Amino acid sequence: MNFLACEGDWLQGADGTPVCSGSLVALTVEEMQSLYGAALNWEQVSELQAEAIVLFATVFGFLVLKKVLKQ
């Protein structure tokens, strides 16, 4: 599988289409992994999921507390 990358910045054209301000480059999966790091392992995935749940619970608790104190 190949990926299309932009050596400049991706911009939005007048009609909403993406436009590359530099030159376009085709990259393979192996090149993407070497440029942007390897995929996450399952331990890292579990850790990120736990942190996302804690963040969600914190924000939800804050919103509930804000609503209760407003009344």
PDB file of N, CA and C in Angstrom:
ATOM      1  N   MET A   1       0.848  -1.167   0.000  1.00  0.00           N
ATOM      2  CA  MET A   1       0.000   0.000   0.000  1.00  0.00           C
ATOM      3  C   MET A   1       0.898   1.236   0.000  1.00  0.00           C
ATOM      4  N   ASN A   2       0.543   2.197  -0.803  1.00  0.00           N
ATOM      5  CA  ASN A   2       1.282   3.453  -0.863  1.00  0.00           C
ATOM      6  C   ASN A   2       0.462   4.582  -0.263  1.00  0.00           C
ATOM      7  N   PHE A   3       1.163   5.569   0.257  1.00  0.00           N
ATOM      8  CA  PHE A   3       0.534   6.750   0.834  1.00  0.00           C
ATOM      9  C   PHE A   3       1.016   7.970   0.080  1.00  0.00           C
ATOM     10  N   LEU A   4       0.178   8.968  -0.002  1.00  0.00           N
ATOM     11  CA  LEU A   4       0.532  10.217  -0.650  1.00  0.00           C
ATOM     12  C   LEU A   4       0.846  11.243   0.426  1.00  0.00           C
ATOM     13  N   ALA A   5       2.043  11.812   0.352  1.00  0.00           N
ATOM     14  CA  ALA A   5       2.468  12.796   1.342  1.00  0.00           C
ATOM     15  C   ALA A   5       2.807  14.103   0.631  1.00  0.00           C
ATOM     16  N   CYS A   6       2.787  15.170   1.393  1.00  0.00           N
ATOM     17  CA  CYS A   6       3.092  16.497   0.872  1.00  0.00           C
ATOM     18  C   CYS A   6       4.357  17.000   1.560  1.00  0.00           C
ATOM     19  N   GLU A   7       5.338  17.440   0.796  1.00  0.00           N
ATOM     20  CA  GLU A   7       6.567  17.966   1.384  1.00  0.00           C
ATOM     21  C   GLU A   7       6.395  19.387   1.894  1.00  0.00           C
ATOM     22  N   GLY A   8       5.257  19.992   1.641  1.00  0.00           N
ATOM     23  CA  GLY A   8       4.930  21.312   2.166  1.00  0.00           C
ATOM     24  C   GLY A   8       3.775  21.184   3.141  1.00  0.00           C
ATOM     25  N   ASP A   9       2.864  22.116   3.087  1.00  0.00           N
ATOM     26  CA  ASP A   9       1.668  22.089   3.936  1.00  0.00           C
ATOM     27  C   ASP A   9       0.450  21.748   3.098  1.00  0.00           C
ATOM     28  N   TRP A  10      -0.495  21.025   3.717  1.00  0.00           N
ATOM     29  CA  TRP A  10      -1.780  20.787   3.075  1.00  0.00           C
ATOM     30  C   TRP A  10      -2.658  22.006   3.335  1.00  0.00           C
ATOM     31  N   LEU A  11      -3.214  22.559   2.278  1.00  0.00           N
ATOM     32  CA  LEU A  11      -4.098  23.711   2.377  1.00  0.00           C
ATOM     33  C   LEU A  11      -5.453  23.338   1.806  1.00  0.00           C
ATOM     34  N   GLN A  12      -6.445  24.166   2.054  1.00  0.00           N
ATOM     35  CA  GLN A  12      -7.780  23.934   1.519  1.00  0.00           C
ATOM     36  C   GLN A  12      -8.030  24.913   0.388  1.00  0.00           C
ATOM     37  N   GLY A  13      -8.379  24.382  -0.778  1.00  0.00           N
ATOM     38  CA  GLY A  13      -8.675  25.222  -1.927  1.00  0.00           C
ATOM     39  C   GLY A  13     -10.019  25.908  -1.772  1.00  0.00           C
ATOM     40  N   ALA A  14     -10.333  26.799  -2.708  1.00  0.00           N
ATOM     41  CA  ALA A  14     -11.585  27.562  -2.666  1.00  0.00           C
ATOM     42  C   ALA A  14     -12.805  26.648  -2.714  1.00  0.00           C
ATOM     43  N   ASP A  15     -12.670  25.527  -3.427  1.00  0.00           N
ATOM     44  CA  ASP A  15     -13.805  24.600  -3.529  1.00  0.00           C
ATOM     45  C   ASP A  15     -13.772  23.510  -2.464  1.00  0.00           C
ATOM     46  N   GLY A  16     -12.849  23.616  -1.502  1.00  0.00           N
ATOM     47  CA  GLY A  16     -12.794  22.672  -0.395  1.00  0.00           C
ATOM     48  C   GLY A  16     -11.867  21.495  -0.608  1.00  0.00           C
ATOM     49  N   THR A  17     -11.232  21.412  -1.755  1.00  0.00           N
ATOM     50  CA  THR A  17     -10.331  20.294  -2.017  1.00  0.00           C
ATOM     51  C   THR A  17      -8.968  20.540  -1.380  1.00  0.00           C
ATOM     52  N   PRO A  18      -8.292  19.471  -0.950  1.00  0.00           N
ATOM     53  CA  PRO A  18      -6.957  19.644  -0.377  1.00  0.00           C
ATOM     54  C   PRO A  18      -5.941  19.984  -1.464  1.00  0.00           C
ATOM     55  N   VAL A  19      -5.045  20.918  -1.149  1.00  0.00           N
ATOM     56  CA  VAL A  19      -4.017  21.356  -2.088  1.00  0.00           C
ATOM     57  C   VAL A  19      -2.679  21.313  -1.356  1.00  0.00           C
ATOM     58  N   CYS A  20      -1.686  20.739  -1.991  1.00  0.00           N
ATOM     59  CA  CYS A  20      -0.347  20.662  -1.409  1.00  0.00           C
ATOM     60  C   CYS A  20       0.440  21.890  -1.824  1.00  0.00           C
ATOM     61  N   SER A  21       1.038  22.591  -0.842  1.00  0.00           N
ATOM     62  CA  SER A  21       1.813  23.786  -1.159  1.00  0.00           C
ATOM     63  C   SER A  21       3.224  23.436  -1.631  1.00  0.00           C
ATOM     64  N   GLY A  22       3.650  22.196  -1.431  1.00  0.00           N
ATOM     65  CA  GLY A  22       4.967  21.746  -1.884  1.00  0.00           C
ATOM     66  C   GLY A  22       4.807  20.719  -2.985  1.00  0.00           C
ATOM     67  N   SER A  23       5.667  19.711  -2.964  1.00  0.00           N
ATOM     68  CA  SER A  23       5.555  18.653  -3.969  1.00  0.00           C
ATOM     69  C   SER A  23       5.005  17.387  -3.315  1.00  0.00           C
ATOM     70  N   LEU A  24       4.286  16.601  -4.101  1.00  0.00           N
ATOM     71  CA  LEU A  24       3.698  15.357  -3.614  1.00  0.00           C
ATOM     72  C   LEU A  24       4.716  14.228  -3.697  1.00  0.00           C
ATOM     73  N   VAL A  25       4.697  13.343  -2.702  1.00  0.00           N
ATOM     74  CA  VAL A  25       5.632  12.221  -2.636  1.00  0.00           C
ATOM     75  C   VAL A  25       4.837  10.968  -2.301  1.00  0.00           C
ATOM     76  N   ALA A  26       5.134   9.860  -2.988  1.00  0.00           N
ATOM     77  CA  ALA A  26       4.502   8.577  -2.679  1.00  0.00           C
ATOM     78  C   ALA A  26       5.407   7.815  -1.719  1.00  0.00           C
ATOM     79  N   LEU A  27       4.828   7.324  -0.607  1.00  0.00           N
ATOM     80  CA  LEU A  27       5.577   6.579   0.403  1.00  0.00           C
ATOM     81  C   LEU A  27       4.967   5.200   0.587  1.00  0.00           C
ATOM     82  N   THR A  28       5.820   4.218   0.846  1.00  0.00           N
ATOM     83  CA  THR A  28       5.346   2.867   1.139  1.00  0.00           C
ATOM     84  C   THR A  28       5.075   2.749   2.638  1.00  0.00           C
ATOM     85  N   VAL A  29       4.479   1.634   3.043  1.00  0.00           N
ATOM     86  CA  VAL A  29       4.194   1.395   4.459  1.00  0.00           C
ATOM     87  C   VAL A  29       5.494   1.389   5.259  1.00  0.00           C
ATOM     88  N   GLU A  30       6.521   0.752   4.720  1.00  0.00           N
ATOM     89  CA  GLU A  30       7.804   0.674   5.419  1.00  0.00           C
ATOM     90  C   GLU A  30       8.418   2.054   5.607  1.00  0.00           C
ATOM     91  N   GLU A  31       8.322   2.897   4.599  1.00  0.00           N
ATOM     92  CA  GLU A  31       8.847   4.259   4.711  1.00  0.00           C
ATOM     93  C   GLU A  31       8.060   5.071   5.737  1.00  0.00           C
ATOM     94  N   MET A  32       6.741   4.892   5.776  1.00  0.00           N
ATOM     95  CA  MET A  32       5.919   5.597   6.765  1.00  0.00           C
ATOM     96  C   MET A  32       6.303   5.168   8.175  1.00  0.00           C
ATOM     97  N   GLN A  33       6.519   3.872   8.383  1.00  0.00           N
ATOM     98  CA  GLN A  33       6.889   3.379   9.704  1.00  0.00           C
ATOM     99  C   GLN A  33       8.250   3.900  10.128  1.00  0.00           C
ATOM    100  N   SER A  34       9.184   3.979   9.209  1.00  0.00           N
ATOM    101  CA  SER A  34      10.510   4.469   9.579  1.00  0.00           C
ATOM    102  C   SER A  34      10.490   5.979   9.838  1.00  0.00           C
ATOM    103  N   LEU A  35       9.617   6.707   9.147  1.00  0.00           N
ATOM    104  CA  LEU A  35       9.528   8.153   9.356  1.00  0.00           C
ATOM    105  C   LEU A  35       8.752   8.508  10.610  1.00  0.00           C
ATOM    106  N   TYR A  36       7.658   7.819  10.868  1.00  0.00           N
ATOM    107  CA  TYR A  36       6.744   8.204  11.935  1.00  0.00           C
ATOM    108  C   TYR A  36       6.696   7.218  13.093  1.00  0.00           C
ATOM    109  N   GLY A  37       7.600   6.280  13.134  1.00  0.00           N
ATOM    110  CA  GLY A  37       7.656   5.346  14.258  1.00  0.00           C
ATOM    111  C   GLY A  37       6.811   4.112  14.032  1.00  0.00           C
ATOM    112  N   ALA A  38       7.081   3.116  14.829  1.00  0.00           N
ATOM    113  CA  ALA A  38       6.370   1.846  14.710  1.00  0.00           C
ATOM    114  C   ALA A  38       4.977   1.971  15.319  1.00  0.00           C
ATOM    115  N   ALA A  39       4.159   1.000  15.026  1.00  0.00           N
ATOM    116  CA  ALA A  39       2.796   0.976  15.557  1.00  0.00           C
ATOM    117  C   ALA A  39       2.840   0.757  17.064  1.00  0.00           C
ATOM    118  N   LEU A  40       1.751   1.077  17.730  1.00  0.00           N
ATOM    119  CA  LEU A  40       1.652   0.878  19.177  1.00  0.00           C
ATOM    120  C   LEU A  40       1.525  -0.608  19.496  1.00  0.00           C
ATOM    121  N   ASN A  41       2.102  -1.006  20.617  1.00  0.00           N
ATOM    122  CA  ASN A  41       1.872  -2.373  21.071  1.00  0.00           C
ATOM    123  C   ASN A  41       0.607  -2.381  21.928  1.00  0.00           C
ATOM    124  N   TRP A  42       0.155  -3.591  22.315  1.00  0.00           N
ATOM    125  CA  TRP A  42      -1.121  -3.705  23.026  1.00  0.00           C
ATOM    126  C   TRP A  42      -1.069  -3.071  24.404  1.00  0.00           C
ATOM    127  N   GLU A  43       0.101  -3.071  25.030  1.00  0.00           N
ATOM    128  CA  GLU A  43       0.231  -2.433  26.337  1.00  0.00           C
ATOM    129  C   GLU A  43       0.030  -0.922  26.216  1.00  0.00           C
ATOM    130  N   GLN A  44       0.595  -0.328  25.173  1.00  0.00           N
ATOM    131  CA  GLN A  44       0.424   1.106  24.953  1.00  0.00           C
ATOM    132  C   GLN A  44      -1.023   1.449  24.610  1.00  0.00           C
ATOM    133  N   VAL A  45      -1.678   0.574  23.847  1.00  0.00           N
ATOM    134  CA  VAL A  45      -3.086   0.791  23.498  1.00  0.00           C
ATOM    135  C   VAL A  45      -3.943   0.776  24.767  1.00  0.00           C
ATOM    136  N   SER A  46      -3.707  -0.192  25.639  1.00  0.00           N
ATOM    137  CA  SER A  46      -4.467  -0.280  26.895  1.00  0.00           C
ATOM    138  C   SER A  46      -4.230   0.947  27.767  1.00  0.00           C
ATOM    139  N   GLU A  47      -2.985   1.407  27.811  1.00  0.00           N
ATOM    140  CA  GLU A  47      -2.660   2.592  28.608  1.00  0.00           C
ATOM    141  C   GLU A  47      -3.371   3.836  28.072  1.00  0.00           C
ATOM    142  N   LEU A  48      -3.378   3.994  26.753  1.00  0.00           N
ATOM    143  CA  LEU A  48      -4.066   5.145  26.153  1.00  0.00           C
ATOM    144  C   LEU A  48      -5.572   5.070  26.365  1.00  0.00           C
ATOM    145  N   GLN A  49      -6.133   3.873  26.278  1.00  0.00           N
ATOM    146  CA  GLN A  49      -7.566   3.721  26.517  1.00  0.00           C
ATOM    147  C   GLN A  49      -7.918   4.094  27.949  1.00  0.00           C
ATOM    148  N   ALA A  50      -7.101   3.650  28.898  1.00  0.00           N
ATOM    149  CA  ALA A  50      -7.356   3.973  30.301  1.00  0.00           C
ATOM    150  C   ALA A  50      -7.277   5.484  30.523  1.00  0.00           C
ATOM    151  N   GLU A  51      -6.297   6.137  29.932  1.00  0.00           N
ATOM    152  CA  GLU A  51      -6.167   7.583  30.088  1.00  0.00           C
ATOM    153  C   GLU A  51      -7.340   8.323  29.446  1.00  0.00           C
ATOM    154  N   ALA A  52      -7.823   7.829  28.310  1.00  0.00           N
ATOM    155  CA  ALA A  52      -8.968   8.455  27.653  1.00  0.00           C
ATOM    156  C   ALA A  52     -10.226   8.319  28.505  1.00  0.00           C
ATOM    157  N   ILE A  53     -10.399   7.167  29.144  1.00  0.00           N
ATOM    158  CA  ILE A  53     -11.561   6.953  30.012  1.00  0.00           C
ATOM    159  C   ILE A  53     -11.504   7.878  31.217  1.00  0.00           C
ATOM    160  N   VAL A  54     -10.327   8.023  31.807  1.00  0.00           N
ATOM    161  CA  VAL A  54     -10.170   8.921  32.954  1.00  0.00           C
ATOM    162  C   VAL A  54     -10.467  10.360  32.537  1.00  0.00           C
ATOM    163  N   LEU A  55      -9.969  10.759  31.373  1.00  0.00           N
ATOM    164  CA  LEU A  55     -10.242  12.112  30.880  1.00  0.00           C
ATOM    165  C   LEU A  55     -11.739  12.316  30.656  1.00  0.00           C
ATOM    166  N   PHE A  56     -12.407  11.351  30.022  1.00  0.00           N
ATOM    167  CA  PHE A  56     -13.839  11.440  29.783  1.00  0.00           C
ATOM    168  C   PHE A  56     -14.606  11.542  31.104  1.00  0.00           C
ATOM    169  N   ALA A  57     -14.245  10.706  32.065  1.00  0.00           N
ATOM    170  CA  ALA A  57     -14.929  10.719  33.359  1.00  0.00           C
ATOM    171  C   ALA A  57     -14.715  12.042  34.081  1.00  0.00           C
ATOM    172  N   THR A  58     -13.516  12.599  33.988  1.00  0.00           N
ATOM    173  CA  THR A  58     -13.218  13.880  34.634  1.00  0.00           C
ATOM    174  C   THR A  58     -14.054  15.002  34.033  1.00  0.00           C
ATOM    175  N   VAL A  59     -14.098  15.060  32.709  1.00  0.00           N
ATOM    176  CA  VAL A  59     -14.874  16.108  32.035  1.00  0.00           C
ATOM    177  C   VAL A  59     -16.361  15.927  32.327  1.00  0.00           C
ATOM    178  N   PHE A  60     -16.860  14.686  32.271  1.00  0.00           N
ATOM    179  CA  PHE A  60     -18.257  14.426  32.553  1.00  0.00           C
ATOM    180  C   PHE A  60     -18.599  14.817  33.990  1.00  0.00           C
ATOM    181  N   GLY A  61     -17.739  14.457  34.939  1.00  0.00           N
ATOM    182  CA  GLY A  61     -17.959  14.823  36.332  1.00  0.00           C
ATOM    183  C   GLY A  61     -17.961  16.322  36.532  1.00  0.00           C
ATOM    184  N   PHE A  62     -17.056  17.019  35.861  1.00  0.00           N
ATOM    185  CA  PHE A  62     -17.014  18.475  35.950  1.00  0.00           C
ATOM    186  C   PHE A  62     -18.306  19.091  35.418  1.00  0.00           C
ATOM    187  N   LEU A  63     -18.801  18.593  34.288  1.00  0.00           N
ATOM    188  CA  LEU A  63     -20.030  19.143  33.711  1.00  0.00           C
ATOM    189  C   LEU A  63     -21.237  18.878  34.609  1.00  0.00           C
ATOM    190  N   VAL A  64     -21.305  17.689  35.205  1.00  0.00           N
ATOM    191  CA  VAL A  64     -22.405  17.376  36.119  1.00  0.00           C
ATOM    192  C   VAL A  64     -22.327  18.264  37.350  1.00  0.00           C
ATOM    193  N   LEU A  65     -21.139  18.423  37.909  1.00  0.00           N
ATOM    194  CA  LEU A  65     -20.951  19.268  39.077  1.00  0.00           C
ATOM    195  C   LEU A  65     -21.307  20.726  38.774  1.00  0.00           C
ATOM    196  N   LYS A  66     -20.927  21.183  37.594  1.00  0.00           N
ATOM    197  CA  LYS A  66     -21.247  22.556  37.180  1.00  0.00           C
ATOM    198  C   LYS A  66     -22.756  22.748  37.095  1.00  0.00           C
ATOM    199  N   LYS A  67     -23.441  21.760  36.541  1.00  0.00           N
ATOM    200  CA  LYS A  67     -24.901  21.854  36.403  1.00  0.00           C
ATOM    201  C   LYS A  67     -25.583  21.804  37.772  1.00  0.00           C
ATOM    202  N   VAL A  68     -25.101  20.968  38.667  1.00  0.00           N
ATOM    203  CA  VAL A  68     -25.697  20.837  40.004  1.00  0.00           C
ATOM    204  C   VAL A  68     -25.489  22.116  40.795  1.00  0.00           C
ATOM    205  N   LEU A  69     -24.328  22.706  40.730  1.00  0.00           N
ATOM    206  CA  LEU A  69     -24.039  23.917  41.493  1.00  0.00           C
ATOM    207  C   LEU A  69     -24.745  25.149  40.932  1.00  0.00           C
ATOM    208  N   LYS A  70     -25.120  25.099  39.671  1.00  0.00           N
ATOM    209  CA  LYS A  70     -25.803  26.221  39.028  1.00  0.00           C
ATOM    210  C   LYS A  70     -27.239  26.362  39.534  1.00  0.00           C
ATOM    211  N   GLN A  71     -27.848  25.278  39.946  1.00  0.00           N
ATOM    212  CA  GLN A  71     -29.258  25.304  40.351  1.00  0.00           C
ATOM    213  C   GLN A  71     -29.449  25.819  41.738  1.00  0.00           C
TER     214      GLN A  71
END
